[in-house]
Amino acid sequence: VLSDDDTSSTIAVEDKKPKRILIIAGPGNNGGDGLVAARHLKHFEPNSHIMVVYPKKSSREPHYAKLVKQCTDMGIIVSDGPMDGEW
């Protein structure tokens, strides 16, 4: 039986095709969780194209702005809503 770490490494090695991943993130902690998930996915799937639709960005805490910046710095698209065209 493989542990979680071994399984994720095995999956990442065997499937090298770029993926398109869409994450829809709500406000508050749910939005933060979506941004963190996007970051982790980008680490495990560096050739993937990831977009986070995050329409209700939280302005209450600067932590969320930092998460958005981390994502965009990694090449993850963070959008207020649906985008036209390809991503």
PDB file of N, CA and C in Angstrom:
ATOM      1  N   VAL A   1       0.850  -1.176   0.000  1.00  0.00           N
ATOM      2  CA  VAL A   1       0.000   0.000   0.000  1.00  0.00           C
ATOM      3  C   VAL A   1       0.893   1.235   0.000  1.00  0.00           C
ATOM      4  N   LEU A   2       0.601   2.158  -0.917  1.00  0.00           N
ATOM      5  CA  LEU A   2       1.368   3.402  -0.991  1.00  0.00           C
ATOM      6  C   LEU A   2       0.825   4.427  -0.013  1.00  0.00           C
ATOM      7  N   SER A   3       1.692   5.218   0.553  1.00  0.00           N
ATOM      8  CA  SER A   3       1.227   6.321   1.391  1.00  0.00           C
ATOM      9  C   SER A   3       0.736   7.446   0.487  1.00  0.00           C
ATOM     10  N   ASP A   4       0.087   8.444   1.059  1.00  0.00           N
ATOM     11  CA  ASP A   4      -0.417   9.569   0.262  1.00  0.00           C
ATOM     12  C   ASP A   4       0.690  10.245  -0.513  1.00  0.00           C
ATOM     13  N   ASP A   5       1.827  10.483   0.121  1.00  0.00           N
ATOM     14  CA  ASP A   5       2.936  11.157  -0.554  1.00  0.00           C
ATOM     15  C   ASP A   5       3.443  10.339  -1.734  1.00  0.00           C
ATOM     16  N   ASP A   6       3.599   9.023  -1.539  1.00  0.00           N
ATOM     17  CA  ASP A   6       4.069   8.170  -2.620  1.00  0.00           C
ATOM     18  C   ASP A   6       3.072   8.135  -3.769  1.00  0.00           C
ATOM     19  N   THR A   7       1.793   8.102  -3.450  1.00  0.00           N
ATOM     20  CA  THR A   7       0.757   8.049  -4.475  1.00  0.00           C
ATOM     21  C   THR A   7       0.757   9.314  -5.306  1.00  0.00           C
ATOM     22  N   SER A   8       0.834  10.472  -4.663  1.00  0.00           N
ATOM     23  CA  SER A   8       0.810  11.719  -5.424  1.00  0.00           C
ATOM     24  C   SER A   8       2.057  11.842  -6.292  1.00  0.00           C
ATOM     25  N   SER A   9       3.197  11.376  -5.804  1.00  0.00           N
ATOM     26  CA  SER A   9       4.422  11.400  -6.604  1.00  0.00           C
ATOM     27  C   SER A   9       4.297  10.477  -7.807  1.00  0.00           C
ATOM     28  N   THR A  10       3.717   9.312  -7.591  1.00  0.00           N
ATOM     29  CA  THR A  10       3.542   8.359  -8.676  1.00  0.00           C
ATOM     30  C   THR A  10       2.614   8.916  -9.737  1.00  0.00           C
ATOM     31  N   ILE A  11       1.518   9.507  -9.325  1.00  0.00           N
ATOM     32  CA  ILE A  11       0.570  10.090 -10.282  1.00  0.00           C
ATOM     33  C   ILE A  11       1.231  11.210 -11.070  1.00  0.00           C
ATOM     34  N   ALA A  12       1.981  12.074 -10.393  1.00  0.00           N
ATOM     35  CA  ALA A  12       2.626  13.200 -11.060  1.00  0.00           C
ATOM     36  C   ALA A  12       3.645  12.718 -12.086  1.00  0.00           C
ATOM     37  N   VAL A  13       4.340  11.618 -11.816  1.00  0.00           N
ATOM     38  CA  VAL A  13       5.357  11.108 -12.731  1.00  0.00           C
ATOM     39  C   VAL A  13       4.704  10.441 -13.938  1.00  0.00           C
ATOM     40  N   GLU A  14       3.634   9.710 -13.729  1.00  0.00           N
ATOM     41  CA  GLU A  14       3.032   8.939 -14.809  1.00  0.00           C
ATOM     42  C   GLU A  14       2.210   9.779 -15.777  1.00  0.00           C
ATOM     43  N   ASP A  15       1.627  10.861 -15.351  1.00  0.00           N
ATOM     44  CA  ASP A  15       0.738  11.650 -16.200  1.00  0.00           C
ATOM     45  C   ASP A  15       1.331  13.036 -16.408  1.00  0.00           C
ATOM     46  N   LYS A  16       2.032  13.229 -17.511  1.00  0.00           N
ATOM     47  CA  LYS A  16       2.732  14.489 -17.761  1.00  0.00           C
ATOM     48  C   LYS A  16       1.949  15.437 -18.659  1.00  0.00           C
ATOM     49  N   LYS A  17       0.741  15.045 -19.105  1.00  0.00           N
ATOM     50  CA  LYS A  17      -0.040  15.914 -19.975  1.00  0.00           C
ATOM     51  C   LYS A  17      -0.477  17.160 -19.209  1.00  0.00           C
ATOM     52  N   PRO A  18      -0.368  18.340 -19.842  1.00  0.00           N
ATOM     53  CA  PRO A  18      -0.881  19.551 -19.182  1.00  0.00           C
ATOM     54  C   PRO A  18      -2.389  19.441 -18.972  1.00  0.00           C
ATOM     55  N   LYS A  19      -2.849  19.979 -17.882  1.00  0.00           N
ATOM     56  CA  LYS A  19      -4.275  19.926 -17.558  1.00  0.00           C
ATOM     57  C   LYS A  19      -4.825  21.341 -17.454  1.00  0.00           C
ATOM     58  N   ARG A  20      -6.116  21.472 -17.642  1.00  0.00           N
ATOM     59  CA  ARG A  20      -6.827  22.724 -17.387  1.00  0.00           C
ATOM     60  C   ARG A  20      -7.683  22.482 -16.148  1.00  0.00           C
ATOM     61  N   ILE A  21      -7.438  23.289 -15.125  1.00  0.00           N
ATOM     62  CA  ILE A  21      -8.125  23.103 -13.852  1.00  0.00           C
ATOM     63  C   ILE A  21      -8.834  24.396 -13.493  1.00  0.00           C
ATOM     64  N   LEU A  22     -10.123  24.308 -13.224  1.00  0.00           N
ATOM     65  CA  LEU A  22     -10.923  25.465 -12.841  1.00  0.00           C
ATOM     66  C   LEU A  22     -11.352  25.296 -11.390  1.00  0.00           C
ATOM     67  N   ILE A  23     -11.091  26.330 -10.589  1.00  0.00           N
ATOM     68  CA  ILE A  23     -11.496  26.336  -9.183  1.00  0.00           C
ATOM     69  C   ILE A  23     -12.424  27.523  -8.991  1.00  0.00           C
ATOM     70  N   ILE A  24     -13.586  27.279  -8.421  1.00  0.00           N
ATOM     71  CA  ILE A  24     -14.524  28.356  -8.120  1.00  0.00           C
ATOM     72  C   ILE A  24     -14.491  28.538  -6.612  1.00  0.00           C
ATOM     73  N   ALA A  25     -14.050  29.730  -6.177  1.00  0.00           N
ATOM     74  CA  ALA A  25     -13.823  29.991  -4.761  1.00  0.00           C
ATOM     75  C   ALA A  25     -14.836  31.004  -4.239  1.00  0.00           C
ATOM     76  N   GLY A  26     -15.430  30.678  -3.112  1.00  0.00           N
ATOM     77  CA  GLY A  26     -16.383  31.574  -2.483  1.00  0.00           C
ATOM     78  C   GLY A  26     -15.688  32.581  -1.582  1.00  0.00           C
ATOM     79  N   PRO A  27     -16.465  33.363  -0.854  1.00  0.00           N
ATOM     80  CA  PRO A  27     -15.879  34.374   0.027  1.00  0.00           C
ATOM     81  C   PRO A  27     -15.340  33.755   1.325  1.00  0.00           C
ATOM     82  N   GLY A  28     -14.563  34.514   2.042  1.00  0.00           N
ATOM     83  CA  GLY A  28     -14.081  34.101   3.359  1.00  0.00           C
ATOM     84  C   GLY A  28     -13.114  32.941   3.299  1.00  0.00           C
ATOM     85  N   ASN A  29     -13.212  32.068   4.299  1.00  0.00           N
ATOM     86  CA  ASN A  29     -12.280  30.942   4.398  1.00  0.00           C
ATOM     87  C   ASN A  29     -12.373  30.010   3.203  1.00  0.00           C
ATOM     88  N   ASN A  30     -13.562  29.842   2.635  1.00  0.00           N
ATOM     89  CA  ASN A  30     -13.698  28.979   1.462  1.00  0.00           C
ATOM     90  C   ASN A  30     -12.874  29.508   0.304  1.00  0.00           C
ATOM     91  N   GLY A  31     -12.874  30.819   0.127  1.00  0.00           N
ATOM     92  CA  GLY A  31     -12.062  31.423  -0.931  1.00  0.00           C
ATOM     93  C   GLY A  31     -10.584  31.204  -0.677  1.00  0.00           C
ATOM     94  N   GLY A  32     -10.174  31.370   0.575  1.00  0.00           N
ATOM     95  CA  GLY A  32      -8.776  31.126   0.924  1.00  0.00           C
ATOM     96  C   GLY A  32      -8.381  29.687   0.671  1.00  0.00           C
ATOM     97  N   ASP A  33      -9.269  28.762   0.996  1.00  0.00           N
ATOM     98  CA  ASP A  33      -8.987  27.341   0.750  1.00  0.00           C
ATOM     99  C   ASP A  33      -8.837  27.075  -0.746  1.00  0.00           C
ATOM    100  N   GLY A  34      -9.665  27.714  -1.555  1.00  0.00           N
ATOM    101  CA  GLY A  34      -9.566  27.540  -3.006  1.00  0.00           C
ATOM    102  C   GLY A  34      -8.241  28.046  -3.547  1.00  0.00           C
ATOM    103  N   LEU A  35      -7.783  29.186  -3.039  1.00  0.00           N
ATOM    104  CA  LEU A  35      -6.503  29.741  -3.469  1.00  0.00           C
ATOM    105  C   LEU A  35      -5.339  28.854  -3.043  1.00  0.00           C
ATOM    106  N   VAL A  36      -5.407  28.331  -1.834  1.00  0.00           N
ATOM    107  CA  VAL A  36      -4.357  27.420  -1.355  1.00  0.00           C
ATOM    108  C   VAL A  36      -4.364  26.134  -2.179  1.00  0.00           C
ATOM    109  N   ALA A  37      -5.541  25.622  -2.490  1.00  0.00           N
ATOM    110  CA  ALA A  37      -5.636  24.412  -3.319  1.00  0.00           C
ATOM    111  C   ALA A  37      -5.018  24.658  -4.692  1.00  0.00           C
ATOM    112  N   ALA A  38      -5.270  25.834  -5.267  1.00  0.00           N
ATOM    113  CA  ALA A  38      -4.690  26.164  -6.573  1.00  0.00           C
ATOM    114  C   ALA A  38      -3.169  26.155  -6.505  1.00  0.00           C
ATOM    115  N   ARG A  39      -2.638  26.715  -5.444  1.00  0.00           N
ATOM    116  CA  ARG A  39      -1.182  26.749  -5.262  1.00  0.00           C
ATOM    117  C   ARG A  39      -0.602  25.343  -5.181  1.00  0.00           C
ATOM    118  N   HIS A  40      -1.249  24.487  -4.389  1.00  0.00           N
ATOM    119  CA  HIS A  40      -0.766  23.106  -4.255  1.00  0.00           C
ATOM    120  C   HIS A  40      -0.864  22.362  -5.580  1.00  0.00           C
ATOM    121  N   LEU A  41      -1.959  22.543  -6.279  1.00  0.00           N
ATOM    122  CA  LEU A  41      -2.109  21.884  -7.581  1.00  0.00           C
ATOM    123  C   LEU A  41      -1.016  22.312  -8.545  1.00  0.00           C
ATOM    124  N   LYS A  42      -0.659  23.593  -8.524  1.00  0.00           N
ATOM    125  CA  LYS A  42       0.387  24.088  -9.417  1.00  0.00           C
ATOM    126  C   LYS A  42       1.732  23.447  -9.072  1.00  0.00           C
ATOM    127  N   HIS A  43       1.982  23.200  -7.788  1.00  0.00           N
ATOM    128  CA  HIS A  43       3.222  22.524  -7.402  1.00  0.00           C
ATOM    129  C   HIS A  43       3.240  21.082  -7.898  1.00  0.00           C
ATOM    130  N   PHE A  44       2.106  20.392  -7.804  1.00  0.00           N
ATOM    131  CA  PHE A  44       2.039  18.992  -8.235  1.00  0.00           C
ATOM    132  C   PHE A  44       1.886  18.851  -9.742  1.00  0.00           C
ATOM    133  N   GLU A  45       1.304  19.846 -10.388  1.00  0.00           N
ATOM    134  CA  GLU A  45       1.078  19.815 -11.833  1.00  0.00           C
ATOM    135  C   GLU A  45       1.632  21.110 -12.441  1.00  0.00           C
ATOM    136  N   PRO A  46       2.954  21.287 -12.483  1.00  0.00           N
ATOM    137  CA  PRO A  46       3.532  22.565 -12.907  1.00  0.00           C
ATOM    138  C   PRO A  46       3.197  22.964 -14.347  1.00  0.00           C
ATOM    139  N   ASN A  47       2.876  22.005 -15.207  1.00  0.00           N
ATOM    140  CA  ASN A  47       2.526  22.329 -16.593  1.00  0.00           C
ATOM    141  C   ASN A  47       1.043  22.596 -16.783  1.00  0.00           C
ATOM    142  N   SER A  48       0.283  22.552 -15.708  1.00  0.00           N
ATOM    143  CA  SER A  48      -1.165  22.734 -15.809  1.00  0.00           C
ATOM    144  C   SER A  48      -1.520  24.211 -15.952  1.00  0.00           C
ATOM    145  N   HIS A  49      -2.695  24.449 -16.493  1.00  0.00           N
ATOM    146  CA  HIS A  49      -3.265  25.794 -16.608  1.00  0.00           C
ATOM    147  C   HIS A  49      -4.373  25.867 -15.562  1.00  0.00           C
ATOM    148  N   ILE A  50      -4.192  26.711 -14.579  1.00  0.00           N
ATOM    149  CA  ILE A  50      -5.144  26.792 -13.470  1.00  0.00           C
ATOM    150  C   ILE A  50      -5.779  28.166 -13.442  1.00  0.00           C
ATOM    151  N   MET A  51      -7.098  28.182 -13.292  1.00  0.00           N
ATOM    152  CA  MET A  51      -7.835  29.430 -13.150  1.00  0.00           C
ATOM    153  C   MET A  51      -8.696  29.339 -11.905  1.00  0.00           C
ATOM    154  N   VAL A  52      -8.652  30.403 -11.108  1.00  0.00           N
ATOM    155  CA  VAL A  52      -9.511  30.505  -9.933  1.00  0.00           C
ATOM    156  C   VAL A  52     -10.513  31.621 -10.202  1.00  0.00           C
ATOM    157  N   VAL A  53     -11.792  31.290 -10.213  1.00  0.00           N
ATOM    158  CA  VAL A  53     -12.835  32.309 -10.280  1.00  0.00           C
ATOM    159  C   VAL A  53     -13.161  32.664  -8.837  1.00  0.00           C
ATOM    160  N   TYR A  54     -12.875  33.912  -8.490  1.00  0.00           N
ATOM    161  CA  TYR A  54     -12.956  34.381  -7.097  1.00  0.00           C
ATOM    162  C   TYR A  54     -13.697  35.715  -7.094  1.00  0.00           C
ATOM    163  N   PRO A  55     -15.038  35.675  -7.279  1.00  0.00           N
ATOM    164  CA  PRO A  55     -15.802  36.908  -7.482  1.00  0.00           C
ATOM    165  C   PRO A  55     -15.970  37.785  -6.243  1.00  0.00           C
ATOM    166  N   LYS A  56     -15.926  37.197  -5.069  1.00  0.00           N
ATOM    167  CA  LYS A  56     -16.168  37.975  -3.845  1.00  0.00           C
ATOM    168  C   LYS A  56     -14.908  38.000  -2.989  1.00  0.00           C
ATOM    169  N   LYS A  57     -13.886  38.674  -3.527  1.00  0.00           N
ATOM    170  CA  LYS A  57     -12.620  38.752  -2.798  1.00  0.00           C
ATOM    171  C   LYS A  57     -12.826  39.423  -1.451  1.00  0.00           C
ATOM    172  N   SER A  58     -12.232  38.868  -0.441  1.00  0.00           N
ATOM    173  CA  SER A  58     -12.350  39.419   0.904  1.00  0.00           C
ATOM    174  C   SER A  58     -11.377  40.580   1.073  1.00  0.00           C
ATOM    175  N   SER A  59     -11.895  41.722   1.503  1.00  0.00           N
ATOM    176  CA  SER A  59     -11.025  42.864   1.776  1.00  0.00           C
ATOM    177  C   SER A  59     -10.819  43.032   3.280  1.00  0.00           C
ATOM    178  N   ARG A  60     -11.418  42.131   4.062  1.00  0.00           N
ATOM    179  CA  ARG A  60     -11.313  42.221   5.524  1.00  0.00           C
ATOM    180  C   ARG A  60      -9.903  41.959   6.020  1.00  0.00           C
ATOM    181  N   GLU A  61      -9.237  41.016   5.412  1.00  0.00           N
ATOM    182  CA  GLU A  61      -7.933  40.613   5.908  1.00  0.00           C
ATOM    183  C   GLU A  61      -6.909  40.636   4.781  1.00  0.00           C
ATOM    184  N   PRO A  62      -5.737  41.196   5.030  1.00  0.00           N
ATOM    185  CA  PRO A  62      -4.703  41.246   3.995  1.00  0.00           C
ATOM    186  C   PRO A  62      -4.189  39.865   3.585  1.00  0.00           C
ATOM    187  N   HIS A  63      -4.471  38.855   4.408  1.00  0.00           N
ATOM    188  CA  HIS A  63      -4.023  37.490   4.109  1.00  0.00           C
ATOM    189  C   HIS A  63      -4.545  37.027   2.742  1.00  0.00           C
ATOM    190  N   TYR A  64      -5.785  37.365   2.426  1.00  0.00           N
ATOM    191  CA  TYR A  64      -6.369  36.927   1.160  1.00  0.00           C
ATOM    192  C   TYR A  64      -5.683  37.597  -0.029  1.00  0.00           C
ATOM    193  N   ALA A  65      -5.343  38.865   0.106  1.00  0.00           N
ATOM    194  CA  ALA A  65      -4.619  39.570  -0.964  1.00  0.00           C
ATOM    195  C   ALA A  65      -3.252  38.923  -1.199  1.00  0.00           C
ATOM    196  N   LYS A  66      -2.604  38.491  -0.126  1.00  0.00           N
ATOM    197  CA  LYS A  66      -1.308  37.819  -0.258  1.00  0.00           C
ATOM    198  C   LYS A  66      -1.458  36.483  -0.981  1.00  0.00           C
ATOM    199  N   LEU A  67      -2.539  35.751  -0.680  1.00  0.00           N
ATOM    200  CA  LEU A  67      -2.782  34.479  -1.369  1.00  0.00           C
ATOM    201  C   LEU A  67      -3.011  34.701  -2.860  1.00  0.00           C
ATOM    202  N   VAL A  68      -3.772  35.743  -3.200  1.00  0.00           N
ATOM    203  CA  VAL A  68      -4.014  36.061  -4.616  1.00  0.00           C
ATOM    204  C   VAL A  68      -2.687  36.379  -5.298  1.00  0.00           C
ATOM    205  N   LYS A  69      -1.853  37.178  -4.657  1.00  0.00           N
ATOM    206  CA  LYS A  69      -0.554  37.540  -5.246  1.00  0.00           C
ATOM    207  C   LYS A  69       0.327  36.313  -5.423  1.00  0.00           C
ATOM    208  N   GLN A  70       0.348  35.427  -4.438  1.00  0.00           N
ATOM    209  CA  GLN A  70       1.143  34.202  -4.564  1.00  0.00           C
ATOM    210  C   GLN A  70       0.683  33.396  -5.771  1.00  0.00           C
ATOM    211  N   CYS A  71      -0.626  33.299  -5.942  1.00  0.00           N
ATOM    212  CA  CYS A  71      -1.166  32.538  -7.082  1.00  0.00           C
ATOM    213  C   CYS A  71      -0.777  33.189  -8.404  1.00  0.00           C
ATOM    214  N   THR A  72      -0.989  34.490  -8.519  1.00  0.00           N
ATOM    215  CA  THR A  72      -0.683  35.154  -9.788  1.00  0.00           C
ATOM    216  C   THR A  72       0.810  35.118 -10.081  1.00  0.00           C
ATOM    217  N   ASP A  73       1.644  35.200  -9.053  1.00  0.00           N
ATOM    218  CA  ASP A  73       3.090  35.094  -9.253  1.00  0.00           C
ATOM    219  C   ASP A  73       3.489  33.720  -9.784  1.00  0.00           C
ATOM    220  N   MET A  74       2.668  32.703  -9.508  1.00  0.00           N
ATOM    221  CA  MET A  74       2.942  31.343  -9.977  1.00  0.00           C
ATOM    222  C   MET A  74       2.338  31.078 -11.358  1.00  0.00           C
ATOM    223  N   GLY A  75       1.681  32.086 -11.925  1.00  0.00           N
ATOM    224  CA  GLY A  75       1.071  31.907 -13.241  1.00  0.00           C
ATOM    225  C   GLY A  75      -0.357  31.406 -13.195  1.00  0.00           C
ATOM    226  N   ILE A  76      -0.959  31.411 -12.031  1.00  0.00           N
ATOM    227  CA  ILE A  76      -2.350  31.005 -11.875  1.00  0.00           C
ATOM    228  C   ILE A  76      -3.222  32.221 -12.168  1.00  0.00           C
ATOM    229  N   ILE A  77      -4.225  32.051 -13.008  1.00  0.00           N
ATOM    230  CA  ILE A  77      -5.146  33.142 -13.320  1.00  0.00           C
ATOM    231  C   ILE A  77      -6.169  33.251 -12.198  1.00  0.00           C
ATOM    232  N   VAL A  78      -6.314  34.437 -11.639  1.00  0.00           N
ATOM    233  CA  VAL A  78      -7.340  34.690 -10.623  1.00  0.00           C
ATOM    234  C   VAL A  78      -8.266  35.749 -11.210  1.00  0.00           C
ATOM    235  N   SER A  79      -9.522  35.370 -11.415  1.00  0.00           N
ATOM    236  CA  SER A  79     -10.479  36.222 -12.120  1.00  0.00           C
ATOM    237  C   SER A  79     -11.687  36.528 -11.241  1.00  0.00           C
ATOM    238  N   ASP A  80     -12.303  37.688 -11.494  1.00  0.00           N
ATOM    239  CA  ASP A  80     -13.543  38.049 -10.796  1.00  0.00           C
ATOM    240  C   ASP A  80     -14.748  37.295 -11.340  1.00  0.00           C
ATOM    241  N   GLY A  81     -14.635  36.772 -12.540  1.00  0.00           N
ATOM    242  CA  GLY A  81     -15.758  36.080 -13.151  1.00  0.00           C
ATOM    243  C   GLY A  81     -15.323  35.346 -14.400  1.00  0.00           C
ATOM    244  N   PRO A  82     -16.271  34.838 -15.148  1.00  0.00           N
ATOM    245  CA  PRO A  82     -15.938  34.101 -16.373  1.00  0.00           C
ATOM    246  C   PRO A  82     -15.157  34.973 -17.351  1.00  0.00           C
ATOM    247  N   MET A  83     -14.242  34.353 -18.059  1.00  0.00           N
ATOM    248  CA  MET A  83     -13.454  35.069 -19.047  1.00  0.00           C
ATOM    249  C   MET A  83     -13.820  34.571 -20.439  1.00  0.00           C
ATOM    250  N   ASP A  84     -13.796  35.465 -21.388  1.00  0.00           N
ATOM    251  CA  ASP A  84     -14.020  35.071 -22.782  1.00  0.00           C
ATOM    252  C   ASP A  84     -12.737  34.486 -23.346  1.00  0.00           C
ATOM    253  N   GLY A  85     -12.892  33.578 -24.281  1.00  0.00           N
ATOM    254  CA  GLY A  85     -11.726  33.027 -24.962  1.00  0.00           C
ATOM    255  C   GLY A  85     -11.072  31.889 -24.208  1.00  0.00           C
ATOM    256  N   GLU A  86      -9.939  31.500 -24.707  1.00  0.00           N
ATOM    257  CA  GLU A  86      -9.179  30.395 -24.119  1.00  0.00           C
ATOM    258  C   GLU A  86      -8.339  30.877 -22.954  1.00  0.00           C
ATOM    259  N   TRP A  87      -8.094  29.992 -22.038  1.00  0.00           N
ATOM    260  CA  TRP A  87      -7.163  30.283 -20.937  1.00  0.00           C
ATOM    261  C   TRP A  87      -6.228  29.144 -20.755  1.00  0.00           C
TER     262      TRP A  87
END
